[in-house]
Amino acid sequence: METELATADITSLKFIGMGLAALGMAGAAIGVGMIFSGATQGIARNPGAEDKIRAISIFGVVFAEFMGLLSFVLGILIWL
């Protein structure tokens, strides 16, 4: 009986960890939205700097999406 309870506790903690890892994906989605919002406003205010703003925002999106992918992989590793 004790081992069944310990196994259930470990399984429930795994699901909690996976849920917390999913929050990292939500953070990445919010970050990408904020990056494109800022880039759009920057281009609207200064159309001459469009190339620089686009390049910097693409790097920001790459890093934000990498963090989201990393949290997804972490969630999968917790599940295994």
N, C-alpha and C. Protein backbone atom coordinates (compact mmCIF):
# COMPACT_ATOMS: atom_id res chain seq x y z
N MET A 1 0.82 -1.19 0.00
CA MET A 1 0.00 0.00 0.00
C MET A 1 0.87 1.26 0.00
N GLU A 2 1.96 1.21 0.74
CA GLU A 2 2.82 2.37 0.80
C GLU A 2 3.44 2.69 -0.55
N THR A 3 3.83 1.67 -1.29
CA THR A 3 4.46 1.90 -2.59
C THR A 3 3.44 2.43 -3.60
N GLU A 4 2.18 2.00 -3.48
CA GLU A 4 1.15 2.52 -4.38
C GLU A 4 0.92 4.00 -4.13
N LEU A 5 0.93 4.39 -2.86
CA LEU A 5 0.74 5.80 -2.51
C LEU A 5 1.92 6.63 -2.99
N ALA A 6 3.13 6.11 -2.82
CA ALA A 6 4.32 6.85 -3.28
C ALA A 6 4.31 6.99 -4.79
N THR A 7 3.89 5.95 -5.51
CA THR A 7 3.82 6.01 -6.97
C THR A 7 2.78 7.04 -7.41
N ALA A 8 1.65 7.09 -6.72
CA ALA A 8 0.61 8.07 -7.05
C ALA A 8 1.10 9.48 -6.78
N ASP A 9 1.84 9.66 -5.70
CA ASP A 9 2.38 10.99 -5.39
C ASP A 9 3.37 11.45 -6.46
N ILE A 10 4.24 10.54 -6.89
CA ILE A 10 5.22 10.89 -7.92
C ILE A 10 4.52 11.22 -9.24
N THR A 11 3.50 10.44 -9.57
CA THR A 11 2.76 10.70 -10.82
C THR A 11 2.06 12.05 -10.77
N SER A 12 1.46 12.37 -9.65
CA SER A 12 0.78 13.66 -9.55
C SER A 12 1.77 14.81 -9.62
N LEU A 13 2.94 14.63 -9.01
CA LEU A 13 3.96 15.68 -9.08
C LEU A 13 4.50 15.85 -10.49
N LYS A 14 4.55 14.75 -11.24
CA LYS A 14 4.97 14.85 -12.65
C LYS A 14 3.99 15.72 -13.43
N PHE A 15 2.69 15.50 -13.21
CA PHE A 15 1.70 16.29 -13.93
C PHE A 15 1.75 17.76 -13.53
N ILE A 16 2.02 18.03 -12.28
CA ILE A 16 2.16 19.43 -11.84
C ILE A 16 3.39 20.06 -12.52
N GLY A 17 4.49 19.32 -12.60
CA GLY A 17 5.68 19.83 -13.26
C GLY A 17 5.45 20.08 -14.74
N MET A 18 4.70 19.19 -15.39
CA MET A 18 4.39 19.39 -16.81
C MET A 18 3.54 20.64 -17.01
N GLY A 19 2.60 20.86 -16.10
CA GLY A 19 1.77 22.06 -16.19
C GLY A 19 2.57 23.33 -16.00
N LEU A 20 3.51 23.29 -15.07
CA LEU A 20 4.36 24.47 -14.86
C LEU A 20 5.28 24.71 -16.05
N ALA A 21 5.73 23.64 -16.69
CA ALA A 21 6.56 23.80 -17.89
C ALA A 21 5.74 24.40 -19.02
N ALA A 22 4.44 24.10 -19.07
CA ALA A 22 3.58 24.67 -20.10
C ALA A 22 3.44 26.18 -19.93
N LEU A 23 3.60 26.67 -18.73
CA LEU A 23 3.55 28.13 -18.52
C LEU A 23 4.69 28.83 -19.27
N GLY A 24 5.80 28.14 -19.44
CA GLY A 24 6.91 28.71 -20.22
C GLY A 24 6.51 28.93 -21.67
N MET A 25 5.68 28.04 -22.20
CA MET A 25 5.21 28.22 -23.58
C MET A 25 4.26 29.42 -23.67
N ALA A 26 3.46 29.61 -22.64
CA ALA A 26 2.57 30.78 -22.63
C ALA A 26 3.39 32.06 -22.55
N GLY A 27 4.45 32.03 -21.75
CA GLY A 27 5.32 33.20 -21.66
C GLY A 27 5.99 33.52 -22.98
N ALA A 28 6.37 32.49 -23.72
CA ALA A 28 6.99 32.71 -25.03
C ALA A 28 5.98 33.33 -26.00
N ALA A 29 4.75 32.87 -25.95
CA ALA A 29 3.72 33.43 -26.84
C ALA A 29 3.45 34.90 -26.51
N ILE A 30 3.39 35.22 -25.24
CA ILE A 30 3.19 36.61 -24.83
C ILE A 30 4.39 37.46 -25.26
N GLY A 31 5.60 36.91 -25.11
CA GLY A 31 6.80 37.63 -25.51
C GLY A 31 6.84 37.93 -27.00
N VAL A 32 6.45 36.96 -27.81
CA VAL A 32 6.42 37.17 -29.26
C VAL A 32 5.40 38.25 -29.62
N GLY A 33 4.26 38.22 -28.98
CA GLY A 33 3.26 39.26 -29.23
C GLY A 33 3.76 40.65 -28.87
N MET A 34 4.46 40.74 -27.75
CA MET A 34 5.00 42.04 -27.34
C MET A 34 6.10 42.51 -28.29
N ILE A 35 6.91 41.58 -28.78
CA ILE A 35 7.97 41.95 -29.73
C ILE A 35 7.37 42.51 -31.01
N PHE A 36 6.37 41.81 -31.56
CA PHE A 36 5.77 42.30 -32.81
C PHE A 36 4.97 43.57 -32.60
N SER A 37 4.38 43.73 -31.43
CA SER A 37 3.68 44.97 -31.14
C SER A 37 4.66 46.15 -31.12
N GLY A 38 5.78 45.96 -30.43
CA GLY A 38 6.79 47.02 -30.38
C GLY A 38 7.40 47.30 -31.74
N ALA A 39 7.64 46.24 -32.52
CA ALA A 39 8.22 46.42 -33.85
C ALA A 39 7.25 47.18 -34.76
N THR A 40 5.99 46.84 -34.68
CA THR A 40 4.99 47.53 -35.50
C THR A 40 4.91 49.01 -35.14
N GLN A 41 4.91 49.31 -33.86
CA GLN A 41 4.86 50.71 -33.42
C GLN A 41 6.14 51.45 -33.83
N GLY A 42 7.28 50.77 -33.71
CA GLY A 42 8.53 51.41 -34.10
C GLY A 42 8.60 51.71 -35.58
N ILE A 43 8.13 50.79 -36.39
CA ILE A 43 8.13 51.01 -37.84
C ILE A 43 7.14 52.10 -38.21
N ALA A 44 6.01 52.15 -37.52
CA ALA A 44 5.02 53.19 -37.79
C ALA A 44 5.57 54.58 -37.45
N ARG A 45 6.36 54.67 -36.40
CA ARG A 45 6.91 55.96 -36.00
C ARG A 45 8.12 56.37 -36.84
N ASN A 46 8.91 55.38 -37.28
CA ASN A 46 10.12 55.69 -38.04
C ASN A 46 10.27 54.67 -39.17
N PRO A 47 9.59 54.90 -40.29
CA PRO A 47 9.65 53.92 -41.39
C PRO A 47 11.05 53.74 -41.97
N GLY A 48 11.92 54.71 -41.79
CA GLY A 48 13.27 54.60 -42.33
C GLY A 48 14.11 53.55 -41.61
N ALA A 49 13.75 53.22 -40.40
CA ALA A 49 14.51 52.24 -39.62
C ALA A 49 13.88 50.85 -39.67
N GLU A 50 13.08 50.61 -40.70
CA GLU A 50 12.35 49.35 -40.79
C GLU A 50 13.29 48.14 -40.84
N ASP A 51 14.37 48.23 -41.60
CA ASP A 51 15.28 47.09 -41.73
C ASP A 51 15.94 46.73 -40.40
N LYS A 52 16.40 47.74 -39.66
CA LYS A 52 17.03 47.49 -38.37
C LYS A 52 16.02 46.93 -37.37
N ILE A 53 14.84 47.49 -37.35
CA ILE A 53 13.82 47.03 -36.41
C ILE A 53 13.41 45.60 -36.73
N ARG A 54 13.28 45.29 -38.00
CA ARG A 54 12.89 43.93 -38.40
C ARG A 54 13.96 42.92 -38.00
N ALA A 55 15.23 43.26 -38.22
CA ALA A 55 16.31 42.33 -37.88
C ALA A 55 16.37 42.07 -36.38
N ILE A 56 16.24 43.12 -35.59
CA ILE A 56 16.30 42.96 -34.14
C ILE A 56 15.08 42.18 -33.64
N SER A 57 13.91 42.46 -34.21
CA SER A 57 12.71 41.74 -33.76
C SER A 57 12.76 40.26 -34.13
N ILE A 58 13.37 39.93 -35.26
CA ILE A 58 13.50 38.52 -35.63
C ILE A 58 14.40 37.80 -34.64
N PHE A 59 15.49 38.41 -34.22
CA PHE A 59 16.35 37.80 -33.20
C PHE A 59 15.59 37.62 -31.89
N GLY A 60 14.79 38.61 -31.53
CA GLY A 60 14.00 38.49 -30.30
C GLY A 60 12.99 37.36 -30.38
N VAL A 61 12.36 37.21 -31.53
CA VAL A 61 11.39 36.13 -31.71
C VAL A 61 12.08 34.77 -31.65
N VAL A 62 13.26 34.68 -32.24
CA VAL A 62 14.01 33.41 -32.21
C VAL A 62 14.31 33.03 -30.76
N PHE A 63 14.78 33.96 -29.96
CA PHE A 63 15.10 33.64 -28.57
C PHE A 63 13.84 33.31 -27.76
N ALA A 64 12.75 34.05 -27.99
CA ALA A 64 11.52 33.76 -27.27
C ALA A 64 10.96 32.40 -27.64
N GLU A 65 10.99 32.06 -28.92
CA GLU A 65 10.50 30.75 -29.34
C GLU A 65 11.41 29.63 -28.85
N PHE A 66 12.71 29.90 -28.75
CA PHE A 66 13.61 28.90 -28.21
C PHE A 66 13.26 28.60 -26.76
N MET A 67 12.91 29.61 -26.00
CA MET A 67 12.52 29.39 -24.61
C MET A 67 11.22 28.58 -24.53
N GLY A 68 10.29 28.87 -25.43
CA GLY A 68 9.06 28.08 -25.48
C GLY A 68 9.33 26.63 -25.84
N LEU A 69 10.21 26.41 -26.81
CA LEU A 69 10.58 25.05 -27.21
C LEU A 69 11.32 24.34 -26.08
N LEU A 70 12.17 25.06 -25.37
CA LEU A 70 12.89 24.48 -24.26
C LEU A 70 11.93 24.05 -23.15
N SER A 71 10.92 24.85 -22.86
CA SER A 71 9.95 24.47 -21.84
C SER A 71 9.12 23.27 -22.30
N PHE A 72 8.84 23.18 -23.60
CA PHE A 72 8.12 22.01 -24.13
C PHE A 72 8.95 20.74 -23.97
N VAL A 73 10.23 20.83 -24.30
CA VAL A 73 11.12 19.67 -24.15
C VAL A 73 11.25 19.29 -22.69
N LEU A 74 11.32 20.26 -21.81
CA LEU A 74 11.39 19.99 -20.38
C LEU A 74 10.13 19.28 -19.90
N GLY A 75 8.98 19.70 -20.40
CA GLY A 75 7.74 19.03 -20.05
C GLY A 75 7.71 17.58 -20.53
N ILE A 76 8.22 17.34 -21.72
CA ILE A 76 8.29 15.98 -22.23
C ILE A 76 9.26 15.14 -21.40
N LEU A 77 10.39 15.71 -21.02
CA LEU A 77 11.35 14.99 -20.19
C LEU A 77 10.78 14.66 -18.82
N ILE A 78 9.98 15.55 -18.27
CA ILE A 78 9.35 15.27 -16.99
C ILE A 78 8.37 14.11 -17.14
N TRP A 79 7.68 14.06 -18.26
CA TRP A 79 6.69 13.01 -18.49
C TRP A 79 7.34 11.64 -18.59
N LEU A 80 8.54 11.59 -19.19
CA LEU A 80 9.23 10.32 -19.35
C LEU A 80 9.77 9.89 -18.05
